[in-house]
Protein backbone atom coordinates (compact mmCIF):
# COMPACT_ATOMS: atom_id res chain seq x y z
CA MET A 1 -21.62 -23.90 -38.93
CA GLN A 2 -18.29 -25.57 -38.26
CA ASP A 3 -15.83 -22.79 -39.06
CA GLU A 4 -17.69 -19.46 -38.93
CA ARG A 5 -15.87 -17.22 -36.46
CA ASP A 6 -18.80 -14.81 -35.99
CA LEU A 7 -21.48 -17.08 -34.51
CA SER A 8 -24.12 -14.36 -34.81
CA ARG A 9 -23.93 -14.74 -38.62
CA ILE A 10 -25.19 -18.32 -38.32
CA VAL A 11 -28.13 -17.17 -36.19
CA ASP A 12 -28.87 -14.31 -38.59
CA TYR A 13 -28.88 -16.69 -41.57
CA PHE A 14 -31.21 -19.10 -39.79
CA ASP A 15 -33.57 -16.27 -38.77
CA GLU A 16 -33.55 -14.39 -42.08
CA ARG A 17 -33.51 -17.26 -44.59
CA LEU A 18 -35.04 -20.30 -42.91
CA VAL A 19 -37.39 -19.19 -40.12
CA THR A 20 -39.12 -16.80 -42.51
CA SER A 21 -39.81 -19.66 -44.96
CA ASP A 22 -43.17 -21.30 -44.24
CA GLY A 23 -42.16 -24.20 -46.48
CA PHE A 24 -39.06 -24.89 -44.45
CA MET A 25 -40.74 -24.43 -41.09
CA ASN A 26 -43.55 -26.85 -42.06
CA MET A 27 -41.07 -29.63 -42.93
CA GLY A 28 -40.28 -30.40 -39.31
CA SER A 29 -42.25 -32.04 -36.59
CA PRO A 30 -42.12 -31.65 -32.80
CA ALA A 31 -39.83 -34.22 -31.22
CA SER A 32 -38.17 -34.89 -27.90
CA ASN A 33 -34.38 -34.81 -27.56
CA ASP A 34 -33.31 -34.93 -23.93
CA ILE A 35 -29.61 -34.96 -24.81
CA LEU A 36 -29.93 -31.81 -26.92
CA LYS A 37 -32.03 -30.17 -24.20
CA SER A 38 -29.38 -31.03 -21.61
CA MET A 39 -26.61 -29.73 -23.87
CA THR A 40 -28.50 -26.45 -24.27
CA LEU A 41 -28.89 -26.25 -20.48
CA LEU A 42 -25.13 -26.80 -20.07
CA ALA A 43 -24.40 -23.87 -22.40
CA VAL A 44 -26.92 -21.66 -20.61
CA LYS A 45 -25.33 -22.43 -17.23
CA VAL A 46 -22.08 -20.87 -18.45
CA VAL A 47 -23.85 -17.49 -18.21
CA LEU A 48 -26.91 -17.92 -15.97
CA ARG A 49 -27.51 -19.37 -12.56
CA PRO A 50 -29.12 -22.81 -12.81
CA GLU A 51 -32.82 -22.49 -13.53
CA GLU A 52 -35.29 -24.96 -14.96
CA PRO A 53 -36.86 -23.81 -18.24
CA LYS A 54 -40.51 -22.79 -18.16
CA GLU A 55 -41.03 -24.25 -21.63
CA SER A 56 -39.05 -26.43 -24.01
CA THR A 57 -39.74 -27.17 -27.67
CA PHE A 58 -37.65 -28.96 -30.31
CA ILE A 59 -38.42 -29.57 -33.96
CA HIS A 60 -36.74 -32.32 -35.98
CA LEU A 61 -36.18 -32.24 -39.74
CA PRO A 62 -34.66 -35.69 -40.40
CA GLU A 63 -34.18 -35.07 -44.15
CA PHE A 64 -31.75 -32.26 -43.23
CA ALA A 65 -30.30 -33.98 -40.12
CA LEU A 66 -31.46 -30.81 -38.34
CA TRP A 67 -32.90 -30.05 -34.95
CA HIS A 68 -33.97 -26.59 -33.82
CA GLY A 69 -35.76 -25.45 -30.75
CA MET A 70 -35.88 -23.28 -27.69
CA LEU A 71 -35.89 -23.24 -23.93
CA LEU A 72 -37.76 -20.40 -22.26
CA PHE A 73 -36.53 -19.12 -18.90
CA SER A 74 -37.91 -16.40 -16.64
CA ALA A 75 -35.87 -13.62 -18.28
CA HIS A 76 -34.03 -15.32 -21.19
CA LEU A 77 -34.62 -17.39 -24.30
CA ALA A 78 -32.16 -20.09 -25.37
CA ARG A 79 -32.43 -21.12 -29.02
CA THR A 80 -30.61 -24.14 -30.41
CA VAL A 81 -29.78 -25.35 -33.92
CA TYR A 82 -28.05 -28.74 -34.20
CA PHE A 83 -27.00 -30.88 -37.17
CA ASP A 84 -26.76 -34.64 -36.49
CA ASP A 85 -24.61 -35.34 -39.54
CA ILE A 86 -21.76 -32.99 -38.57
CA ASN A 87 -22.31 -33.14 -34.80
CA ARG A 88 -22.32 -29.36 -34.47
CA GLY A 89 -24.79 -27.15 -32.74
CA LEU A 90 -25.24 -23.54 -31.84
CA CYS A 91 -27.06 -22.20 -28.81
CA THR A 92 -28.01 -18.54 -28.59
CA LEU A 93 -28.97 -17.07 -25.24
CA CYS A 94 -30.68 -13.71 -25.32
CA PRO A 95 -32.71 -11.65 -22.87
CA LEU A 96 -36.46 -11.42 -23.36
CA THR A 97 -36.06 -7.64 -23.37
CA HIS A 98 -33.64 -5.75 -25.62
CA GLY A 99 -30.60 -3.92 -24.36
CA THR A 100 -28.28 -6.53 -22.87
CA MET A 101 -25.71 -9.01 -24.14
CA THR A 102 -26.55 -11.97 -26.40
CA HIS A 103 -24.34 -15.05 -26.02
CA HIS A 104 -23.63 -17.65 -28.71
CA PHE A 105 -22.20 -21.11 -27.96
CA ARG A 106 -20.98 -23.62 -30.55
CA PHE A 107 -20.91 -27.21 -29.28
CA SER A 108 -20.64 -30.86 -30.19
CA ILE A 109 -22.08 -33.84 -28.34
CA PRO A 110 -19.49 -36.47 -27.36
CA GLU A 111 -19.75 -39.78 -29.24
CA GLY A 112 -21.56 -42.58 -27.48
CA ILE A 113 -23.79 -40.36 -25.36
CA THR A 114 -27.11 -42.10 -24.83
CA GLU A 115 -28.33 -40.41 -21.66
CA PRO A 116 -28.42 -36.69 -20.79
CA PHE A 117 -26.51 -37.21 -17.54
CA ASP A 118 -23.51 -38.51 -19.56
CA LEU A 119 -22.71 -34.97 -20.73
CA SER A 120 -19.91 -34.46 -18.21
CA GLN A 121 -17.50 -34.95 -21.15
CA ALA A 122 -19.25 -32.33 -23.31
CA GLU A 123 -17.06 -29.73 -24.94
CA LEU A 124 -17.86 -26.08 -25.49
CA LEU A 125 -16.15 -25.40 -28.83
CA SER A 126 -16.46 -21.62 -28.96
CA MET A 127 -18.41 -18.71 -27.58
CA SER A 128 -19.05 -15.15 -28.72
CA ARG A 129 -21.07 -12.20 -27.48
CA ARG A 130 -23.04 -9.58 -29.31
CA ALA A 131 -22.84 -6.18 -27.65
CA PRO A 132 -26.00 -4.23 -26.73
CA SER A 133 -25.43 -1.69 -29.53
CA ALA A 134 -25.69 -4.42 -32.18
CA LYS A 135 -28.88 -5.40 -33.97
CA PRO A 136 -31.10 -7.22 -31.41
CA ASN A 137 -32.04 -10.87 -32.00
């Protein structure tokens, strides 16, 4: 998560190894994380015009220091994976229909943040794009 240059490989691993495991998926429970939601929105705003999500869901797996979830927009889906223990997250923004660019954003949340509006000091650590000819997410 911290050093992988091809951010799509992290997403692929999560999708192919973890999301497909019922055991893993059943370990988490729905939870609210306004800071993580706001961080995801910040990443999305790099590419899209500001838009409020139609739906937002986050799952917390405390034994793995892991959060994962999604924000649904009118034409895009933002998916987030975040590890508390290493303060690293990955947001993937993809269209709801195939054929256009997928964006990946690696981020960390600044220390001491207790409220979502404090994210003015947030840092986008890296970004990559997956071209339309690549395997769709």
